[in-house]
Amino acid sequence: MKKQRTTIGDVINVIVLLLMSFVCIYPFWYIFIGSISNPNIPVRTLTLLPKQVTMFNYMEIMKQDGILQATIVSVVRTVLGTFTSLLFTAYMAYLFTLERMPARKFFYRMVIVTMYLNAGMIPVFLTFRAYGLLNNFWVYIIPGLLGTYNMILIKTYVENGIPASLRESAMLDGAGELKIFSKIILPLSTPILATVALFSAVGQWNSWYDSKIYNMNAPQYDTLQYLLQKKLTEASELATLSKQQGLMDLSERMAMTPDSVRLTLTMIVTIPIFCVYPFLQRYFTEGIMIGAVKG
């Protein structure tokens, strides 16, 4: 067996890929080392190591009022919102794969229209008020029960990846639609469901604008992202407060700066997604490829 020779092209490809990987990874590394560095020593140049490692920034952020409550709200919203959205969207997608569904094409097109047409902020606000969703935790859950784009992905996956004969044989054995959906469709759709769950979880976790608009008078329902967004705008004030209440460390007073506040808050909202992604990443490529191409 001949040994494959390494060419100049291979070397160039490796170098280019390494450079691209560095460009993608370094911003996150920079944010991380900035968040664990002494805030009195600004990290403004290209560096690979933190300067005087300390957890002072994180401890100061966690001392802020409402952080724990907002974290609980965001976690519950993300878990509950992802689960309910995945369940309702998957079932709607399954129904649209059934040719015997009455007016299937009409309803499918009406759902697709919502991707392109939007009533606007004020009509949506008035609608939510009419349904009693303002200053209510359920404003985070109910409007997101059906995701049109995710529904298209799941529908295409079911049509292309699960034989219709399998469903027909289950019906001949006396299985109803709910049983077929729960016992056949869901277990065989794991790749696309994991992909959609990742999309939904990231969207729920990162969302903050709906908290600002629809829960203005209910601070107990503030999400972590909205609370931290407010903290970012108040970074200078927070840094000044930290300086006044600074921590004595080896005769030096550490105090948060606007930059350290921003870096630390960015890491706080990013770490949970980093923790979730590795568990779903192996399904990501398969789910997108099969769910996005109609054959």
Protein backbone atom coordinates (compact mmCIF):
# COMPACT_ATOMS: atom_id res chain seq x y z
CA MET A 1 0.00 0.00 0.00
CA LYS A 2 1.42 3.34 -1.10
CA LYS A 3 1.90 5.98 1.50
CA GLN A 4 0.06 9.16 0.55
CA ARG A 5 2.42 12.09 0.07
CA THR A 6 1.80 15.42 1.76
CA THR A 7 1.58 18.18 -0.81
CA ILE A 8 1.99 21.94 -0.47
CA GLY A 9 -1.76 22.25 -0.96
CA ASP A 10 -2.40 20.05 2.09
CA VAL A 11 -0.09 22.19 4.21
CA ILE A 12 -1.80 25.38 3.04
CA ASN A 13 -5.24 23.90 3.79
CA VAL A 14 -4.17 22.97 7.32
CA ILE A 15 -2.72 26.43 7.96
CA VAL A 16 -5.85 28.17 6.62
CA LEU A 17 -8.15 25.95 8.70
CA LEU A 18 -6.08 26.56 11.83
CA LEU A 19 -6.22 30.32 11.26
CA MET A 20 -9.98 30.19 10.70
CA SER A 21 -10.42 28.10 13.85
CA PHE A 22 -8.38 30.60 15.83
CA VAL A 23 -10.44 33.52 14.50
CA CYS A 24 -13.66 31.75 15.54
CA ILE A 25 -12.49 30.56 18.96
CA TYR A 26 -10.36 33.45 20.19
CA PRO A 27 -13.20 36.00 20.76
CA PHE A 28 -14.82 33.60 23.24
CA TRP A 29 -11.46 32.92 24.88
CA TYR A 30 -10.79 36.65 25.12
CA ILE A 31 -14.14 37.21 26.83
CA PHE A 32 -13.46 34.35 29.25
CA ILE A 33 -9.96 35.45 30.28
CA GLY A 34 -11.21 39.03 30.61
CA SER A 35 -13.97 37.90 32.97
CA ILE A 36 -11.55 36.04 35.29
CA SER A 37 -8.78 38.65 35.22
CA ASN A 38 -8.17 41.35 37.78
CA PRO A 39 -10.45 44.21 36.64
CA ASN A 40 -7.77 46.74 37.58
CA ILE A 41 -5.59 45.33 34.81
CA PRO A 42 -7.35 45.98 31.48
CA VAL A 43 -7.10 43.23 28.86
CA ARG A 44 -6.95 45.34 25.71
CA THR A 45 -4.27 43.64 23.63
CA LEU A 46 -4.04 40.22 21.99
CA THR A 47 -3.34 37.87 24.88
CA LEU A 48 -3.73 34.17 25.60
CA LEU A 49 -3.55 34.11 29.40
CA PRO A 50 -5.60 35.88 32.08
CA LYS A 51 -3.96 38.52 34.24
CA GLN A 52 -4.13 37.70 37.96
CA VAL A 53 -6.90 35.09 37.95
CA THR A 54 -9.80 35.96 40.24
CA MET A 55 -13.53 35.23 40.54
CA PHE A 56 -14.15 38.74 41.85
CA ASN A 57 -16.12 39.81 38.76
CA TYR A 58 -18.55 36.89 39.02
CA MET A 59 -19.04 37.35 42.75
CA GLU A 60 -19.82 41.04 42.27
CA ILE A 61 -22.33 40.33 39.51
CA MET A 62 -24.07 37.65 41.59
CA LYS A 63 -24.50 40.13 44.43
CA GLN A 64 -26.79 42.29 42.31
CA ASP A 65 -30.47 42.27 43.28
CA GLY A 66 -32.77 40.03 41.24
CA ILE A 67 -30.09 37.92 39.57
CA LEU A 68 -31.19 34.64 41.22
CA GLN A 69 -34.89 35.25 40.53
CA ALA A 70 -34.19 36.18 36.92
CA THR A 71 -32.04 33.09 36.45
CA ILE A 72 -34.86 30.86 37.69
CA VAL A 73 -37.34 32.56 35.35
CA SER A 74 -35.00 32.12 32.37
CA VAL A 75 -34.32 28.45 33.15
CA VAL A 76 -38.01 27.63 33.60
CA ARG A 77 -38.89 29.59 30.48
CA THR A 78 -36.25 27.83 28.41
CA VAL A 79 -37.14 24.31 29.57
CA LEU A 80 -40.92 24.72 29.46
CA GLY A 81 -40.92 26.84 26.31
CA THR A 82 -38.66 24.42 24.43
CA PHE A 83 -40.67 21.36 25.46
CA THR A 84 -44.11 22.80 24.64
CA SER A 85 -42.95 24.41 21.39
CA LEU A 86 -41.33 21.16 20.27
CA LEU A 87 -44.43 19.12 21.10
CA PHE A 88 -46.96 21.44 19.42
CA THR A 89 -44.77 22.15 16.40
CA ALA A 90 -44.00 18.47 15.83
CA TYR A 91 -47.67 17.49 16.05
CA MET A 92 -48.71 20.24 13.65
CA ALA A 93 -45.97 19.14 11.23
CA TYR A 94 -47.20 15.55 11.46
CA LEU A 95 -50.77 16.59 10.68
CA PHE A 96 -49.63 18.40 7.56
CA THR A 97 -48.03 15.18 6.28
CA LEU A 98 -51.42 13.44 6.27
CA GLU A 99 -53.04 13.67 2.85
CA ARG A 100 -56.43 12.84 4.34
CA MET A 101 -56.39 15.97 6.51
CA PRO A 102 -59.29 18.24 5.38
CA ALA A 103 -58.14 21.46 3.62
CA ARG A 104 -54.53 20.48 4.33
CA LYS A 105 -52.96 22.64 1.60
CA PHE A 106 -55.06 25.68 2.52
CA PHE A 107 -54.13 25.60 6.21
CA TYR A 108 -50.49 24.85 5.41
CA ARG A 109 -50.28 27.88 3.16
CA MET A 110 -51.95 30.07 5.77
CA VAL A 111 -49.32 29.01 8.30
CA ILE A 112 -46.52 29.69 5.82
CA VAL A 113 -47.88 33.21 5.24
CA THR A 114 -47.06 34.08 8.86
CA MET A 115 -43.36 33.81 8.00
CA TYR A 116 -43.66 36.79 5.67
CA LEU A 117 -46.47 38.92 7.12
CA ASN A 118 -46.55 40.34 10.62
CA ALA A 119 -49.23 42.47 12.24
CA GLY A 120 -46.68 44.75 13.90
CA MET A 121 -45.80 45.57 17.49
CA ILE A 122 -48.92 47.55 18.47
CA PRO A 123 -51.52 45.03 17.18
CA VAL A 124 -49.58 42.20 18.80
CA PHE A 125 -49.41 44.15 22.07
CA LEU A 126 -53.18 44.80 21.97
CA THR A 127 -53.85 41.14 21.19
CA PHE A 128 -51.75 39.99 24.14
CA ARG A 129 -53.56 42.48 26.37
CA ALA A 130 -56.94 41.18 25.21
CA TYR A 131 -55.88 37.64 26.10
CA GLY A 132 -54.54 38.71 29.50
CA LEU A 133 -50.93 37.85 28.69
CA LEU A 134 -49.42 41.17 29.75
CA ASN A 135 -47.44 41.04 33.01
CA ASN A 136 -47.85 37.29 32.88
CA PHE A 137 -45.25 34.52 32.68
CA TRP A 138 -47.25 32.72 29.97
CA VAL A 139 -46.46 35.48 27.47
CA TYR A 140 -43.10 33.71 27.12
CA ILE A 141 -44.68 30.34 26.37
CA ILE A 142 -47.99 30.60 24.49
CA PRO A 143 -46.93 32.83 21.54
CA GLY A 144 -44.06 30.47 20.77
CA LEU A 145 -46.01 27.21 20.78
CA LEU A 146 -45.80 26.96 16.99
CA GLY A 147 -42.63 27.81 15.10
CA THR A 148 -43.32 27.93 11.36
CA TYR A 149 -39.75 27.39 10.19
CA ASN A 150 -39.24 24.53 12.63
CA MET A 151 -42.54 23.02 11.51
CA ILE A 152 -41.33 22.98 7.89
CA LEU A 153 -38.12 21.21 8.92
CA ILE A 154 -39.99 18.53 10.88
CA LYS A 155 -42.64 18.06 8.18
CA THR A 156 -40.01 17.56 5.48
CA TYR A 157 -38.06 15.16 7.70
CA VAL A 158 -41.15 13.03 8.40
CA GLU A 159 -42.10 12.94 4.71
CA ASN A 160 -38.59 11.99 3.56
CA GLY A 161 -37.24 9.98 6.46
CA ILE A 162 -40.22 7.90 7.66
CA PRO A 163 -41.97 5.60 5.14
CA ALA A 164 -45.70 6.18 4.79
CA SER A 165 -46.16 2.40 4.77
CA LEU A 166 -44.98 2.29 8.38
CA ARG A 167 -47.76 4.62 9.45
CA GLU A 168 -50.31 2.78 7.32
CA SER A 169 -49.40 -0.57 8.87
CA ALA A 170 -49.82 0.94 12.34
CA MET A 171 -53.29 2.16 11.38
CA LEU A 172 -54.23 -1.32 10.15
CA ASP A 173 -53.25 -2.61 13.59
CA GLY A 174 -55.73 -0.18 15.14
CA ALA A 175 -53.40 2.63 16.21
CA GLY A 176 -54.85 6.14 16.28
CA GLU A 177 -53.13 9.33 15.21
CA LEU A 178 -51.93 10.21 18.71
CA LYS A 179 -50.47 6.74 19.21
CA ILE A 180 -48.75 6.79 15.82
CA PHE A 181 -47.35 10.22 16.62
CA SER A 182 -46.06 9.30 20.08
CA LYS A 183 -44.90 5.73 19.40
CA ILE A 184 -43.57 5.98 15.84
CA ILE A 185 -43.07 9.55 14.63
CA LEU A 186 -41.35 11.01 17.71
CA PRO A 187 -38.87 8.15 18.32
CA LEU A 188 -37.86 8.04 14.64
CA SER A 189 -37.50 11.81 14.38
CA THR A 190 -34.83 12.23 17.06
CA PRO A 191 -32.25 14.03 14.82
CA ILE A 192 -34.60 16.76 13.61
CA LEU A 193 -36.29 17.09 17.01
CA ALA A 194 -32.89 17.58 18.67
CA THR A 195 -32.00 20.22 16.08
CA VAL A 196 -35.28 22.07 16.54
CA ALA A 197 -34.94 21.82 20.32
CA LEU A 198 -31.53 23.48 20.06
CA PHE A 199 -32.95 26.31 17.93
CA SER A 200 -35.85 26.81 20.33
CA ALA A 201 -33.73 26.64 23.49
CA VAL A 202 -31.23 29.20 22.18
CA GLY A 203 -34.06 31.51 21.17
CA GLN A 204 -35.81 31.22 24.54
CA TRP A 205 -32.61 31.64 26.54
CA ASN A 206 -31.39 34.69 24.60
CA SER A 207 -34.75 36.47 24.38
CA TRP A 208 -35.07 39.67 26.39
CA TYR A 209 -37.14 42.10 24.32
CA ASP A 210 -40.48 40.44 25.09
CA SER A 211 -39.72 40.79 28.80
CA LYS A 212 -39.13 44.49 28.30
CA ILE A 213 -42.31 45.08 26.26
CA TYR A 214 -44.90 42.73 27.77
CA ASN A 215 -43.84 42.51 31.44
CA MET A 216 -43.04 46.13 32.19
CA ASN A 217 -45.01 46.11 35.44
CA ALA A 218 -44.02 42.63 36.59
CA PRO A 219 -40.33 42.67 37.57
CA GLN A 220 -40.74 39.22 39.14
CA TYR A 221 -40.94 37.86 35.58
CA ASP A 222 -37.81 39.61 34.31
CA THR A 223 -35.58 37.17 32.46
CA LEU A 224 -31.86 36.94 33.11
CA GLN A 225 -31.08 38.34 29.68
CA TYR A 226 -33.31 41.38 30.19
CA LEU A 227 -31.89 42.01 33.63
CA LEU A 228 -28.35 41.72 32.34
CA GLN A 229 -29.20 43.95 29.38
CA LYS A 230 -30.23 46.61 31.86
CA LYS A 231 -27.02 46.01 33.78
CA LEU A 232 -25.01 46.46 30.60
CA THR A 233 -26.56 49.87 30.07
CA GLU A 234 -25.76 50.66 33.69
CA ALA A 235 -22.23 49.23 33.50
CA SER A 236 -20.56 52.50 34.45
CA GLU A 237 -22.84 52.93 37.45
CA LEU A 238 -22.26 49.33 38.53
CA ALA A 239 -18.53 49.75 38.18
CA THR A 240 -18.63 52.92 40.28
CA LEU A 241 -20.64 51.15 42.98
CA SER A 242 -18.17 48.27 42.98
CA LYS A 243 -15.31 50.74 43.31
CA GLN A 244 -16.93 52.34 46.34
CA GLN A 245 -17.49 48.90 47.92
CA GLY A 246 -14.21 47.45 46.60
CA LEU A 247 -12.56 44.32 47.92
CA MET A 248 -9.19 44.67 49.68
CA ASP A 249 -6.67 42.22 48.27
CA LEU A 250 -3.01 42.46 49.22
CA SER A 251 -3.33 46.17 49.94
CA GLU A 252 -4.86 46.75 46.49
CA ARG A 253 -8.49 47.62 45.98
CA MET A 254 -10.19 45.72 43.18
CA ALA A 255 -13.21 47.30 41.56
CA MET A 256 -15.24 46.34 38.51
CA THR A 257 -14.86 48.43 35.39
CA PRO A 258 -17.41 48.82 32.57
CA ASP A 259 -15.34 46.44 30.45
CA SER A 260 -15.17 43.76 33.14
CA VAL A 261 -18.94 44.06 33.68
CA ARG A 262 -19.64 43.52 29.99
CA LEU A 263 -17.23 40.60 29.66
CA THR A 264 -18.56 38.85 32.76
CA LEU A 265 -22.21 39.30 31.81
CA THR A 266 -21.50 37.97 28.33
CA MET A 267 -19.95 34.81 29.78
CA ILE A 268 -22.86 34.30 32.19
CA VAL A 269 -25.44 34.21 29.38
CA THR A 270 -23.22 32.18 27.03
CA ILE A 271 -22.06 29.34 29.29
CA PRO A 272 -25.47 27.52 29.49
CA ILE A 273 -25.68 27.27 25.70
CA PHE A 274 -22.11 25.95 25.57
CA CYS A 275 -23.15 23.27 28.05
CA VAL A 276 -26.24 22.21 26.07
CA TYR A 277 -24.81 22.25 22.56
CA PRO A 278 -22.38 19.25 22.82
CA PHE A 279 -25.26 16.93 23.72
CA LEU A 280 -27.28 17.90 20.63
CA GLN A 281 -24.49 18.59 18.14
CA ARG A 282 -24.28 14.99 16.88
CA TYR A 283 -27.88 15.21 15.67
CA PHE A 284 -27.49 18.66 14.16
CA THR A 285 -26.04 17.84 10.72
CA GLU A 286 -28.29 14.85 10.08
CA GLY A 287 -31.41 16.70 11.15
CA ILE A 288 -30.74 19.78 9.02
CA MET A 289 -29.71 17.85 5.90
CA ILE A 290 -32.68 15.52 5.88
CA GLY A 291 -35.17 18.07 7.15
CA ALA A 292 -34.21 20.84 4.76
CA VAL A 293 -33.98 19.00 1.42
CA LYS A 294 -37.06 17.60 -0.22
CA GLY A 295 -36.39 14.52 -2.30
